[in-house]
Each structure stands twice: as structure tokens, then as C-alpha cells.
């Protein structure tokens, strides 16, 4: 059962590039600013880890590759090309292999887009974050709104699939200003948008300022909820409904790589701080982590031939909880038969109670959250996992 379970979600590869030109004040990702990067050393380390990972999973059909970060558009395209050549030599790949690169919308990085396409990238996800310059400065972004739009135009002239991110519920933002900004974004969008509510994370510059009471003018919970509802309505009206809590796409344009996470497939994580879920025989499903600090990861690969810091079996109850937490983020919801096979069957009384509150639907062996339920997803999960 365990060996077959991951196949319901597919198999992908995540490659983490940890470096950024600057650290954004809201960001809690594993990203680092450095004056110099030895691209040849990093290339060799990635290739070594690809070989090691392929030895564990050879024969599987690889469906997606995702270069995340950090800012992977700062990579040398020649390094990306060598990585993709090695990937294709070590796994059978899907005919429609999706290869995504996260990019900042600066003119310097946009100038490399054609080289990235030639290296094997066929989808770009751009971190625009805001469409006005004042908010971009507050968010610590290094581009202007005009530069972002220009870079996006370059991207969509080169790639068939281009997505971009925006953050809402920002300082000083009103419902009307978000409506105007989102309408502009939808007019620009090709087929996919990621729209995230600003979250204040501990350990970030925003988190420190918020703790001191100096991060002012954040919208209240009710205003943020109104912005969430507006986002769902406007995007759906433009043919880009939410297929996941924060992601919107035209039919067929969903991020296939992220769907592997949300459908609880198997995925390899390579690079500093990358996580993975890999089913092995014997052993079953394993949770993997790598060294977070770039220098420590690089040294471990070079000295030990392995960048992992953790590889441990995932107990079946943990697998069931993870599948539920990930799949309920999707509009398609959770396959209750699969959840039961993983050892978790929500109580009928709990399902009835949540359905009576208008938070979920449970029909045709699928459990889904309603629009109202997505607003309180964590509370729903607490109810379902309390048993």
C-alpha cells in the first residue's frame, strides 16, 4: 500500500538555490546574501546529489523539476543546462516534463530568460509581489513596477507558461486598492497567479518590527478576510479560479510540481534546506532534510558525498495527517478511500458537524472545504486530526 500511495500524486524533483541579491523583510525562506558564488562548485555538488538520488529512485518517471530559492534566476544558465542534462540521463522523464524556474523581475535577470529556455526551462514563476512602487519599497523589493511589467513581457514572449506572485493585506492597503491592483494583474496574467496574504513570520525583519509595535497600518483580520473573498470572486470571474488556497489558474495551467506536494506524491529535495518525501523499498516512506547553511551543505556533499542531515521513516499516522493537511488545500479535496488506507477515517459526527457549519462537503468519497472553510482551514484540520 505504501509503495503505491505516492503514485497517486506523482514524482518530482526540487532543487534549492539559496542565494539572493537582498533579503526581503517578510521572507522566512532559506535564502542568503553573499558577495560571490562559485558556480562550478555548486554545479558539481548538484550533479553529485542528482546521481545519489537517482540511485535510490531510478526507473521512476519524473514529471516535474522545480528550481526554487532564494533566487534561482541568479544561477548561471549553463549550470541549469548541465543539471537538466544530468536529470534527463538519470530518470525517464514525462513527455510533458514541467521545468519551473523562480525569477525576480529585474532587467538583468530577464536578459537571461532566453538562455534559461535553451537550458530546458519551460515555465517561469516571477516574484512581482506588488504593482506599485511605494509598496515594493516597503517589501524590500529591488525592482520597480515598470521594470516588473517589462520583465514579465519578456518572459511571456519566450515561455508559453508564465506565472507571477502578488502579496496582499499589505501595510496601508484597502479593499478598493487591492481590487484595482488585482484587476490590473488579471489583465496581465497569462494562465496562473499565486496570491498570498502577507504573513508576519517570527525571525524576519517584519516579525521583529511587528513584535516592537513598529510595523504599522496592517489590515485587520476582517479586512484581510474581505480581501481573500474578493480575490476568489475576481479571479473566478476572469476564468482563473482557485485550485488551491493561494493559487489560481486557467484549466490545465496548474503548477504540476506543486500539485505533487498537495496530492502527496513523492519528491526529492536537493540543495541547502530542501525537504523531501521519498518512498523506498524496504523502509517505506521516508522524510528527508538537508543541511540548511549553504556552506555546510556544500562541504557535506564534497566531503561525504551526501548533503542530507536527516533521513527517517514516516509513521503511517504522520503520512495520513500530512496527506490530509496538503490535500484539503486543493479545490479537488481529499480522497477519503486513500486517507482510510493510510489509517485515518474521520468520524461521521465530526464530518456532519463541519458540514452543518458550511465549512466542508463530503460526497462521492471526497472531502472538500468550502470557500468559507478555506478561510478557517487550520481550525478544520484541528477538528479532523483531534481523533
Protein backbone atom coordinates (compact mmCIF):
# COMPACT_ATOMS: atom_id res chain seq x y z
CA UNK A 1 0.00 0.00 0.00
CA UNK A 2 2.70 2.47 0.97
CA UNK A 3 4.74 1.87 -2.17
CA UNK A 4 1.70 2.57 -4.35
CA UNK A 5 0.41 5.53 -2.35
CA UNK A 6 2.86 8.12 -3.69
CA UNK A 7 1.88 7.24 -7.26
CA UNK A 8 -1.45 9.00 -6.73
CA UNK A 9 0.50 12.26 -6.51
CA UNK A 10 3.39 11.64 -8.90
CA UNK A 11 7.13 12.14 -8.63
CA UNK A 12 9.08 15.40 -8.83
CA UNK A 13 12.45 16.97 -8.11
CA UNK A 14 13.02 20.22 -6.19
CA UNK A 15 16.39 21.99 -6.46
CA UNK A 16 17.08 24.79 -3.98
CA UNK A 17 19.34 27.69 -4.93
CA UNK A 18 19.92 29.50 -1.62
CA UNK A 19 21.26 32.87 -2.77
CA UNK A 20 19.50 36.22 -3.20
CA UNK A 21 20.67 39.69 -4.12
CA UNK A 22 18.96 41.00 -0.96
CA UNK A 23 16.89 39.57 1.89
CA UNK A 24 13.25 40.70 1.81
CA UNK A 25 11.92 41.73 5.24
CA UNK A 26 8.91 39.38 5.10
CA UNK A 27 10.82 36.30 3.89
CA UNK A 28 11.48 33.29 6.13
CA UNK A 29 12.75 31.05 3.32
CA UNK A 30 16.24 29.62 3.46
CA UNK A 31 17.87 32.44 1.48
CA UNK A 32 21.25 34.11 1.91
CA UNK A 33 23.06 37.15 0.55
CA UNK A 34 26.68 36.64 -0.46
CA UNK A 35 29.20 38.64 -2.46
CA UNK A 36 30.47 35.76 -4.58
CA UNK A 37 29.26 32.32 -5.64
CA UNK A 38 31.49 29.66 -7.17
CA UNK A 39 29.03 28.35 -9.75
CA UNK A 40 31.32 25.48 -10.79
CA UNK A 41 31.48 24.09 -7.22
CA UNK A 42 27.72 24.37 -6.85
CA UNK A 43 27.16 22.71 -10.23
CA UNK A 44 29.34 19.77 -9.22
CA UNK A 45 27.52 19.42 -5.90
CA UNK A 46 24.09 19.43 -7.54
CA UNK A 47 25.20 16.85 -10.10
CA UNK A 48 26.59 14.64 -7.34
CA UNK A 49 23.32 14.80 -5.40
CA UNK A 50 21.30 14.09 -8.53
CA UNK A 51 23.36 10.93 -9.08
CA UNK A 52 22.95 9.83 -5.46
CA UNK A 53 19.20 10.48 -5.51
CA UNK A 54 18.74 8.71 -8.83
CA UNK A 55 20.40 5.61 -7.39
CA UNK A 56 17.56 5.50 -4.85
CA UNK A 57 14.71 6.18 -7.27
CA UNK A 58 15.91 5.05 -10.68
CA UNK A 59 13.23 3.82 -13.05
CA UNK A 60 10.51 6.16 -11.84
CA UNK A 61 9.01 8.58 -14.35
CA UNK A 62 10.00 12.11 -13.32
CA UNK A 63 7.16 14.51 -14.02
CA UNK A 64 8.46 17.87 -12.80
CA UNK A 65 11.61 19.78 -11.87
CA UNK A 66 11.41 22.98 -9.85
CA UNK A 67 14.29 25.42 -9.30
CA UNK A 68 13.33 27.36 -6.16
CA UNK A 69 15.10 29.55 -3.66
CA UNK A 70 16.43 32.02 -2.92
CA UNK A 71 16.54 33.44 -6.42
CA UNK A 72 17.41 30.74 -8.95
CA UNK A 73 17.31 33.25 -11.82
CA UNK A 74 20.69 34.36 -10.42
CA UNK A 75 22.11 30.98 -11.48
CA UNK A 76 24.37 30.65 -14.49
CA UNK A 77 22.12 29.26 -17.28
CA UNK A 78 24.98 26.93 -18.26
CA UNK A 79 24.75 25.33 -14.80
CA UNK A 80 21.00 24.86 -15.25
CA UNK A 81 21.64 23.26 -18.63
CA UNK A 82 24.10 20.77 -17.13
CA UNK A 83 21.71 19.94 -14.31
CA UNK A 84 18.89 19.28 -16.75
CA UNK A 85 21.13 17.14 -18.96
CA UNK A 86 22.07 15.03 -15.93
CA UNK A 87 18.42 14.78 -14.83
CA UNK A 88 17.37 13.50 -18.23
CA UNK A 89 20.20 10.96 -18.24
CA UNK A 90 19.29 9.55 -14.82
CA UNK A 91 15.49 9.26 -14.93
CA UNK A 92 12.89 8.51 -17.56
CA UNK A 93 11.01 11.78 -17.85
CA UNK A 94 7.41 12.51 -18.76
CA UNK A 95 6.77 13.62 -22.33
CA UNK A 96 5.33 16.84 -20.89
CA UNK A 97 8.05 17.32 -18.24
CA UNK A 98 7.40 20.62 -16.45
CA UNK A 99 10.57 22.54 -15.54
CA UNK A 100 9.94 25.68 -13.50
CA UNK A 101 12.37 28.43 -12.52
CA UNK A 102 11.56 31.09 -9.92
CA UNK A 103 12.73 34.51 -11.07
CA UNK A 104 12.93 38.07 -9.89
CA UNK A 105 11.52 40.57 -12.40
CA UNK A 106 14.63 42.70 -12.90
CA UNK A 107 16.01 43.65 -16.28
CA UNK A 108 19.32 41.89 -15.52
CA UNK A 109 17.63 38.56 -14.86
CA UNK A 110 15.13 38.98 -17.70
CA UNK A 111 18.08 39.26 -20.09
CA UNK A 112 18.91 35.63 -19.24
CA UNK A 113 15.46 34.21 -19.94
CA UNK A 114 16.25 33.02 -23.46
CA UNK A 115 19.33 31.18 -22.18
CA UNK A 116 17.23 29.56 -19.45
CA UNK A 117 14.74 28.39 -22.06
CA UNK A 118 17.57 26.86 -24.08
CA UNK A 119 18.80 25.18 -20.87
CA UNK A 120 15.48 23.35 -20.52
CA UNK A 121 13.25 25.69 -18.50
CA UNK A 122 9.69 25.76 -19.85
CA UNK A 123 7.84 27.57 -17.06
CA UNK A 124 8.77 30.72 -15.12
CA UNK A 125 7.31 31.90 -11.82
CA UNK A 126 8.03 35.58 -11.17
CA UNK A 127 8.08 37.23 -7.76
CA UNK A 128 6.50 40.57 -8.62
CA UNK A 129 4.71 40.90 -5.21
CA UNK A 130 3.17 44.36 -5.79
CA UNK A 131 2.26 46.62 -8.69
CA UNK A 132 3.05 49.96 -7.08
CA UNK A 133 6.45 51.35 -6.22
CA UNK A 134 5.75 52.51 -2.66
CA UNK A 135 4.70 49.03 -1.58
CA UNK A 136 7.58 47.44 -3.44
CA UNK A 137 9.98 49.58 -1.41
CA UNK A 138 8.21 48.60 1.83
CA UNK A 139 8.53 44.95 0.84
CA UNK A 140 12.26 45.37 0.20
CA UNK A 141 11.97 44.52 -3.48
CA UNK A 142 14.74 45.63 -5.85
CA UNK A 143 12.55 46.30 -8.88
CA UNK A 144 10.02 48.97 -9.78
CA UNK A 145 6.53 48.16 -11.03
CA UNK A 146 7.50 49.31 -14.53
CA UNK A 147 10.57 47.06 -14.51
CA UNK A 148 8.46 44.14 -13.29
CA UNK A 149 5.94 44.55 -16.10
CA UNK A 150 8.75 44.87 -18.66
CA UNK A 151 10.40 41.69 -17.37
CA UNK A 152 7.05 39.89 -17.43
CA UNK A 153 6.56 40.94 -21.06
CA UNK A 154 9.98 39.50 -21.90
CA UNK A 155 9.12 36.26 -20.09
CA UNK A 156 5.82 35.69 -21.85
CA UNK A 157 7.45 36.36 -25.23
CA UNK A 158 9.85 33.46 -24.54
CA UNK A 159 7.89 30.97 -22.39
CA UNK A 160 4.42 29.59 -23.01
CA UNK A 161 3.80 29.26 -19.28
CA UNK A 162 4.47 32.23 -17.01
CA UNK A 163 3.11 32.81 -13.51
CA UNK A 164 3.66 35.63 -11.06
CA UNK A 165 3.13 36.22 -7.34
CA UNK A 166 1.45 39.08 -5.53
CA UNK A 167 1.15 39.70 -1.79
CA UNK A 168 -1.99 41.33 -0.37
CA UNK A 169 -3.10 42.58 3.05
CA UNK A 170 -0.01 44.79 2.96
CA UNK A 171 0.62 47.88 5.06
CA UNK A 172 -1.92 50.58 4.32
CA UNK A 173 -3.74 48.51 1.72
CA UNK A 174 -7.51 48.91 1.41
CA UNK A 175 -10.07 46.67 -0.21
CA UNK A 176 -10.55 49.14 -3.05
CA UNK A 177 -6.82 49.48 -3.73
CA UNK A 178 -6.46 45.66 -3.79
CA UNK A 179 -9.42 45.43 -6.19
CA UNK A 180 -7.72 47.85 -8.58
CA UNK A 181 -4.34 46.12 -8.30
CA UNK A 182 -5.76 42.61 -8.74
CA UNK A 183 -7.76 43.76 -11.76
CA UNK A 184 -4.52 45.02 -13.33
CA UNK A 185 -2.82 41.71 -12.50
CA UNK A 186 -5.60 39.69 -14.12
CA UNK A 187 -5.34 41.81 -17.26
CA UNK A 188 -1.61 40.97 -17.41
CA UNK A 189 -1.78 37.31 -16.42
CA UNK A 190 -1.14 34.52 -18.90
CA UNK A 191 -2.61 31.49 -17.14
CA UNK A 192 -1.54 31.35 -13.47
CA UNK A 193 -1.37 33.65 -10.44
CA UNK A 194 -0.15 33.00 -6.89
CA UNK A 195 -1.84 35.41 -4.48
CA UNK A 196 -0.64 35.27 -0.89
CA UNK A 197 -1.86 37.10 2.18
CA UNK A 198 1.06 38.77 3.97
CA UNK A 199 2.06 36.61 6.91
CA UNK A 200 4.28 38.03 9.63
CA UNK A 201 6.81 35.32 10.39
CA UNK A 202 9.00 35.19 13.53
CA UNK A 203 12.66 35.70 12.82
CA UNK A 204 12.10 38.00 9.84
CA UNK A 205 12.66 41.77 9.79
CA UNK A 206 8.88 42.27 9.63
CA UNK A 207 8.47 39.85 12.54
CA UNK A 208 10.93 41.84 14.66
CA UNK A 209 9.27 45.14 13.80
CA UNK A 210 5.83 43.72 14.49
CA UNK A 211 6.97 42.48 17.91
CA UNK A 212 8.22 46.00 18.70
CA UNK A 213 4.97 47.56 17.52
CA UNK A 214 6.63 49.47 14.67
CA UNK A 215 5.04 47.60 11.73
CA UNK A 216 2.03 49.85 11.37
CA UNK A 217 -1.09 50.04 9.21
CA UNK A 218 -1.54 46.32 8.63
CA UNK A 219 -5.15 45.48 7.68
CA UNK A 220 -7.13 43.82 10.46
CA UNK A 221 -8.38 40.24 10.26
CA UNK A 222 -11.79 41.26 8.91
CA UNK A 223 -10.25 43.42 6.18
CA UNK A 224 -7.82 40.65 5.22
CA UNK A 225 -10.74 38.18 5.03
CA UNK A 226 -12.62 40.60 2.76
CA UNK A 227 -9.55 40.77 0.51
CA UNK A 228 -9.43 36.97 0.39
CA UNK A 229 -13.09 36.79 -0.63
CA UNK A 230 -12.61 39.50 -3.25
CA UNK A 231 -9.64 37.58 -4.65
CA UNK A 232 -11.74 34.45 -5.10
CA UNK A 233 -14.58 36.35 -6.79
CA UNK A 234 -12.45 38.40 -9.20
CA UNK A 235 -10.23 35.52 -10.25
CA UNK A 236 -13.15 33.15 -10.80
CA UNK A 237 -14.94 35.79 -12.88
CA UNK A 238 -11.86 36.04 -15.11
CA UNK A 239 -11.61 32.29 -15.65
CA UNK A 240 -8.81 31.72 -13.13
CA UNK A 241 -10.50 30.10 -10.12
CA UNK A 242 -8.56 28.94 -7.07
CA UNK A 243 -7.39 25.36 -7.47
CA UNK A 244 -5.51 25.74 -4.16
CA UNK A 245 -5.95 28.19 -1.30
CA UNK A 246 -3.49 30.75 -2.73
CA UNK A 247 -3.13 29.64 -6.35
CA UNK A 248 -5.32 30.43 -9.33
CA UNK A 249 -5.11 29.08 -12.88
CA UNK A 250 -6.92 28.59 -16.11
CA UNK A 251 -7.97 25.00 -16.69
CA UNK A 252 -4.90 22.87 -17.40
CA UNK A 253 -2.39 25.55 -16.33
CA UNK A 254 -2.00 24.48 -12.69
CA UNK A 255 1.53 24.15 -11.32
CA UNK A 256 2.11 20.44 -11.81
CA UNK A 257 5.07 20.44 -9.45
CA UNK A 258 3.16 21.99 -6.58
CA UNK A 259 0.30 19.58 -7.24
CA UNK A 260 2.72 16.78 -6.43
CA UNK A 261 3.13 18.30 -2.94
CA UNK A 262 -0.58 18.88 -2.43
CA UNK A 263 -1.54 15.47 -3.79
CA UNK A 264 1.10 13.95 -1.52
CA UNK A 265 3.29 12.37 -4.13
CA UNK A 266 7.00 11.68 -3.75
CA UNK A 267 9.54 14.42 -4.28
CA UNK A 268 13.28 14.70 -3.92
CA UNK A 269 14.76 17.80 -2.28
CA UNK A 270 18.29 18.79 -3.34
CA UNK A 271 20.16 21.83 -2.07
CA UNK A 272 20.50 23.63 1.28
CA UNK A 273 17.44 23.26 3.50
CA UNK A 274 15.47 21.21 0.96
CA UNK A 275 12.92 18.71 2.26
CA UNK A 276 11.74 15.55 0.55
CA UNK A 277 9.30 12.66 0.80
CA UNK A 278 10.61 9.51 -0.83
CA UNK A 279 9.16 6.02 -0.71
CA UNK A 280 11.85 3.34 -0.59
CA UNK A 281 11.78 -0.44 -0.54
CA UNK A 282 12.46 -1.63 2.04
CA UNK A 283 11.68 1.11 4.53
CA UNK A 284 8.51 2.70 3.21
CA UNK A 285 8.03 6.44 3.02
CA UNK A 286 10.95 8.50 4.29
CA UNK A 287 11.19 12.14 5.34
CA UNK A 288 14.42 13.78 4.21
CA UNK A 289 16.10 17.07 5.07
CA UNK A 290 19.38 18.65 4.05
CA UNK A 291 21.81 20.95 5.83
CA UNK A 292 20.34 24.46 5.89
CA UNK A 293 23.51 26.54 5.77
CA UNK A 294 24.85 26.74 2.21
CA UNK A 295 28.47 26.24 3.30
CA UNK A 296 27.60 23.24 5.45
CA UNK A 297 25.57 21.61 2.65
CA UNK A 298 28.31 22.18 0.08
CA UNK A 299 31.01 20.83 2.39
CA UNK A 300 28.93 17.76 3.26
CA UNK A 301 28.38 16.91 -0.40
CA UNK A 302 32.05 17.41 -1.25
CA UNK A 303 33.43 15.51 1.75
CA UNK A 304 30.81 12.86 2.36
CA UNK A 305 29.03 12.56 -0.97
CA UNK A 306 25.74 13.36 0.76
CA UNK A 307 24.05 16.66 1.64
CA UNK A 308 21.37 15.10 3.84
CA UNK A 309 21.04 15.95 7.50
CA UNK A 310 18.05 13.68 8.15
CA UNK A 311 16.51 10.57 6.63
CA UNK A 312 13.89 8.87 8.77
CA UNK A 313 10.81 6.68 8.30
CA UNK A 314 7.42 8.40 8.42
CA UNK A 315 4.94 6.52 10.62
CA UNK A 316 1.64 5.83 8.89
CA UNK A 317 -0.35 8.24 11.15
CA UNK A 318 2.04 11.04 10.15
CA UNK A 319 1.56 10.19 6.50
CA UNK A 320 -2.20 10.32 6.91
CA UNK A 321 -2.02 13.69 8.68
CA UNK A 322 0.29 15.13 6.03
CA UNK A 323 -1.91 13.92 3.18
CA UNK A 324 -4.98 15.46 4.82
CA UNK A 325 -3.23 18.78 5.52
CA UNK A 326 -1.92 19.07 1.98
CA UNK A 327 -4.90 17.79 0.01
CA UNK A 328 -7.51 19.88 1.82
CA UNK A 329 -5.76 22.97 0.43
CA UNK A 330 -6.92 21.88 -3.02
CA UNK A 331 -10.29 22.56 -4.59
CA UNK A 332 -10.40 18.86 -5.53
CA UNK A 333 -10.00 17.97 -1.84
CA UNK A 334 -9.10 14.67 -0.19
CA UNK A 335 -9.70 11.14 -1.43
CA UNK A 336 -11.30 9.52 1.63
CA UNK A 337 -10.52 6.00 0.40
CA UNK A 338 -6.84 6.87 0.18
CA UNK A 339 -6.96 8.57 3.58
CA UNK A 340 -8.55 5.46 5.09
CA UNK A 341 -5.83 3.29 3.54
CA UNK A 342 -3.29 5.48 5.33
CA UNK A 343 -5.06 4.77 8.61
CA UNK A 344 -7.27 7.82 9.17
CA UNK A 345 -11.06 7.78 8.88
CA UNK A 346 -12.71 11.00 10.12
CA UNK A 347 -15.67 10.38 12.40
CA UNK A 348 -19.08 10.81 10.80
CA UNK A 349 -20.20 13.09 13.63
CA UNK A 350 -17.23 15.39 13.01
CA UNK A 351 -17.90 15.50 9.27
CA UNK A 352 -21.59 16.18 9.85
CA UNK A 353 -20.81 18.98 12.30
CA UNK A 354 -18.39 20.69 9.93
CA UNK A 355 -20.82 20.26 7.03
CA UNK A 356 -23.65 21.79 9.08
CA UNK A 357 -21.42 24.81 9.68
CA UNK A 358 -20.94 25.16 5.92
CA UNK A 359 -17.18 24.51 6.13
CA UNK A 360 -16.88 21.22 4.22
CA UNK A 361 -18.66 18.93 1.79
CA UNK A 362 -18.26 15.16 1.82
CA UNK A 363 -19.68 13.39 -1.22
CA UNK A 364 -18.58 10.81 -3.79
CA UNK A 365 -15.82 9.71 -1.41
CA UNK A 366 -14.17 13.13 -1.49
CA UNK A 367 -13.79 15.61 1.33
CA UNK A 368 -13.59 19.25 0.28
CA UNK A 369 -13.52 22.59 2.03
CA UNK A 370 -15.99 25.28 1.00
CA UNK A 371 -14.90 28.87 0.37
CA UNK A 372 -15.86 29.68 3.95
CA UNK A 373 -13.94 26.62 5.12
CA UNK A 374 -10.75 27.67 3.35
CA UNK A 375 -10.73 30.81 5.49
CA UNK A 376 -10.52 28.65 8.64
CA UNK A 377 -8.63 25.65 7.24
CA UNK A 378 -6.37 25.28 10.28
CA UNK A 379 -9.39 25.02 12.59
CA UNK A 380 -10.93 22.34 10.35
CA UNK A 381 -7.71 20.35 10.41
CA UNK A 382 -7.57 20.54 14.20
CA UNK A 383 -11.07 19.05 14.35
CA UNK A 384 -10.29 16.25 11.90
CA UNK A 385 -6.92 15.37 13.39
CA UNK A 386 -8.03 15.53 17.03
CA UNK A 387 -9.22 11.95 16.71
